[in-house]
């Protein structure tokens, strides 16, 4: 289950409520008229089964609530309620298989920012890979392999052309 809190302009609230009341995925619907201050409007909160969340959220975005108000979605860890169980049963699909696209888009956007740390790691990995591919030393080749294990298939052909290939390194 997900918990959704909306701030809706008073002129949109009746249509929003009509949509939410018609959805079998929605339960625990509450309305607090004129209780929001910034942005001003009505606060509407409800719980929605994960399987029906994308459909409900897309319909709410159709009212322009993300520009005129707000749509806030939170994961519910525990919901002890017969109406919540009924909403999950009446909504087609399985909760474990449900993908909430808005949640996926938001988390992917937050986790894919380019950072200086990422760039430094990529530069070092590229330098190691370049030195290993230009050199026949075993330490460079193993560093190349550790930076990208998919290169393991190319190592025997490179090391076979090096002097002393196939013999173990000398013991110290």
Protein backbone atom coordinates (compact mmCIF):
# COMPACT_ATOMS: atom_id res chain seq x y z
CA UNK A 1 0.00 0.00 0.00
CA UNK A 2 0.99 3.58 -0.60
CA UNK A 3 -0.18 6.67 1.27
CA UNK A 4 -0.96 9.70 -0.91
CA UNK A 5 -1.48 13.26 0.26
CA UNK A 6 -2.78 15.86 -2.16
CA UNK A 7 -3.17 19.59 -2.02
CA UNK A 8 -5.91 20.44 -4.47
CA UNK A 9 -7.37 23.81 -5.43
CA UNK A 10 -10.94 23.97 -4.03
CA UNK A 11 -12.40 24.09 -7.57
CA UNK A 12 -10.70 20.75 -8.44
CA UNK A 13 -11.58 18.86 -5.25
CA UNK A 14 -15.03 17.58 -6.32
CA UNK A 15 -13.64 15.99 -9.52
CA UNK A 16 -10.66 14.56 -7.61
CA UNK A 17 -12.97 13.01 -5.00
CA UNK A 18 -15.22 11.56 -7.71
CA UNK A 19 -12.19 9.88 -9.32
CA UNK A 20 -10.87 8.53 -6.01
CA UNK A 21 -14.25 7.23 -4.80
CA UNK A 22 -14.73 5.34 -8.07
CA UNK A 23 -11.36 3.54 -7.86
CA UNK A 24 -11.39 0.11 -6.17
CA UNK A 25 -7.67 0.57 -5.37
CA UNK A 26 -8.35 3.58 -3.08
CA UNK A 27 -9.25 3.36 0.62
CA UNK A 28 -8.98 5.50 3.79
CA UNK A 29 -10.08 8.62 1.90
CA UNK A 30 -9.99 11.80 4.02
CA UNK A 31 -10.72 15.42 3.06
CA UNK A 32 -9.76 18.54 4.99
CA UNK A 33 -11.22 21.54 3.20
CA UNK A 34 -9.16 24.75 3.13
CA UNK A 35 -6.55 23.33 5.51
CA UNK A 36 -3.49 23.78 3.28
CA UNK A 37 -1.72 27.15 3.39
CA UNK A 38 1.27 26.91 1.07
CA UNK A 39 0.03 26.24 -1.56
CA UNK A 40 -3.49 27.06 -0.46
CA UNK A 41 -6.17 24.46 -1.00
CA UNK A 42 -7.87 21.34 0.26
CA UNK A 43 -5.85 18.45 1.69
CA UNK A 44 -6.98 15.06 0.43
CA UNK A 45 -5.28 11.94 1.76
CA UNK A 46 -5.84 8.28 0.97
CA UNK A 47 -4.18 4.91 0.71
CA UNK A 48 -3.91 3.12 -2.61
CA UNK A 49 -2.99 -0.45 -3.53
CA UNK A 50 0.36 -0.52 -5.37
CA UNK A 51 -1.26 -2.32 -8.32
CA UNK A 52 -3.57 0.62 -8.97
CA UNK A 53 -1.24 3.45 -7.97
CA UNK A 54 0.10 4.30 -11.43
CA UNK A 55 -3.41 4.59 -12.88
CA UNK A 56 -4.63 6.78 -10.00
CA UNK A 57 -1.53 9.01 -10.05
CA UNK A 58 -1.72 9.52 -13.82
CA UNK A 59 -5.38 10.54 -13.50
CA UNK A 60 -4.51 12.98 -10.69
CA UNK A 61 -1.76 14.51 -12.82
CA UNK A 62 -4.45 15.03 -15.47
CA UNK A 63 -6.05 17.56 -13.11
CA UNK A 64 -2.78 19.53 -13.03
CA UNK A 65 -2.32 19.00 -9.30
CA UNK A 66 1.47 18.90 -9.61
CA UNK A 67 1.40 22.53 -10.88
CA UNK A 68 -1.53 23.95 -8.86
CA UNK A 69 -1.03 21.95 -5.66
CA UNK A 70 0.96 18.88 -4.68
CA UNK A 71 1.02 15.10 -4.92
CA UNK A 72 3.06 13.37 -2.19
CA UNK A 73 3.44 9.58 -2.13
CA UNK A 74 4.87 7.50 0.73
CA UNK A 75 5.35 3.76 1.20
CA UNK A 76 3.27 2.20 3.96
CA UNK A 77 5.13 -0.40 5.97
CA UNK A 78 2.10 -1.60 7.91
CA UNK A 79 -1.62 -1.14 7.32
CA UNK A 80 -3.95 -2.95 9.69
CA UNK A 81 -7.30 -2.60 7.99
CA UNK A 82 -9.95 -4.79 6.39
CA UNK A 83 -10.66 -2.06 3.82
CA UNK A 84 -6.97 -2.04 2.81
CA UNK A 85 -7.05 -5.81 2.32
CA UNK A 86 -10.25 -5.45 0.29
CA UNK A 87 -8.69 -2.72 -1.90
CA UNK A 88 -5.70 -4.95 -2.64
CA UNK A 89 -7.94 -7.91 -3.44
CA UNK A 90 -10.24 -5.90 -5.74
CA UNK A 91 -7.37 -4.34 -7.69
CA UNK A 92 -6.08 -6.51 -10.54
CA UNK A 93 -2.48 -7.72 -10.21
CA UNK A 94 -0.13 -8.69 -7.42
CA UNK A 95 1.33 -6.14 -4.97
CA UNK A 96 4.81 -7.64 -5.25
CA UNK A 97 4.76 -7.29 -9.05
CA UNK A 98 3.39 -3.76 -9.16
CA UNK A 99 5.64 -1.03 -10.56
CA UNK A 100 4.79 2.55 -9.64
CA UNK A 101 6.32 4.42 -12.58
CA UNK A 102 6.40 7.80 -10.85
CA UNK A 103 8.37 6.26 -7.97
CA UNK A 104 10.77 4.55 -10.38
CA UNK A 105 11.32 7.74 -12.41
CA UNK A 106 11.98 9.82 -9.30
CA UNK A 107 14.43 7.36 -7.72
CA UNK A 108 16.24 6.80 -11.02
CA UNK A 109 16.61 10.55 -11.47
CA UNK A 110 18.04 10.99 -7.97
CA UNK A 111 20.51 8.13 -8.30
CA UNK A 112 21.91 8.95 -11.74
CA UNK A 113 23.47 12.32 -11.16
CA UNK A 114 26.99 12.79 -12.52
CA UNK A 115 29.42 13.29 -9.63
CA UNK A 116 33.12 14.13 -9.37
CA UNK A 117 33.73 10.84 -7.52
CA UNK A 118 32.21 8.82 -10.37
CA UNK A 119 34.32 10.72 -12.92
CA UNK A 120 37.52 10.12 -10.91
CA UNK A 121 36.83 6.39 -10.71
CA UNK A 122 36.14 6.24 -14.44
CA UNK A 123 39.37 8.11 -15.25
CA UNK A 124 41.44 5.77 -13.05
CA UNK A 125 39.76 2.67 -14.52
CA UNK A 126 40.39 3.95 -18.05
CA UNK A 127 44.06 4.63 -17.28
CA UNK A 128 44.50 1.14 -15.82
CA UNK A 129 42.75 -0.44 -18.79
CA UNK A 130 44.83 1.57 -21.28
CA UNK A 131 48.14 0.72 -19.61
CA UNK A 132 47.19 -2.95 -19.40
CA UNK A 133 46.16 -3.18 -23.04
CA UNK A 134 49.41 -1.48 -24.20
CA UNK A 135 51.67 -3.56 -21.97
CA UNK A 136 52.36 -7.27 -21.74
CA UNK A 137 53.27 -7.24 -18.07
CA UNK A 138 51.24 -9.67 -16.03
CA UNK A 139 50.46 -7.11 -13.31
CA UNK A 140 49.03 -4.68 -15.88
CA UNK A 141 47.01 -7.45 -17.46
CA UNK A 142 45.60 -8.54 -14.11
CA UNK A 143 44.75 -4.90 -13.27
CA UNK A 144 43.00 -4.70 -16.63
CA UNK A 145 41.09 -7.88 -15.84
CA UNK A 146 40.07 -6.62 -12.38
CA UNK A 147 38.83 -3.30 -13.84
CA UNK A 148 36.62 -5.17 -16.34
CA UNK A 149 36.17 -8.96 -15.94
CA UNK A 150 34.56 -9.18 -19.38
CA UNK A 151 38.06 -8.70 -20.80
CA UNK A 152 39.12 -12.06 -19.35
CA UNK A 153 38.51 -13.74 -22.70
CA UNK A 154 41.10 -11.48 -24.39
CA UNK A 155 43.83 -12.10 -21.80
CA UNK A 156 45.09 -15.51 -23.04
CA UNK A 157 45.70 -14.17 -26.56
CA UNK A 158 47.61 -11.14 -25.24
CA UNK A 159 49.63 -13.12 -22.69
CA UNK A 160 50.36 -15.91 -25.21
CA UNK A 161 52.26 -13.43 -27.37
CA UNK A 162 54.40 -12.26 -24.47
CA UNK A 163 57.80 -13.83 -23.74
CA UNK A 164 57.60 -16.64 -21.25
CA UNK A 165 53.85 -17.09 -21.74
CA UNK A 166 52.49 -20.22 -20.19
CA UNK A 167 55.24 -20.48 -17.58
CA UNK A 168 54.59 -19.63 -13.95
CA UNK A 169 56.19 -16.49 -12.53
CA UNK A 170 59.53 -17.06 -10.77
CA UNK A 171 59.41 -17.72 -7.03
CA UNK A 172 61.12 -15.16 -4.80
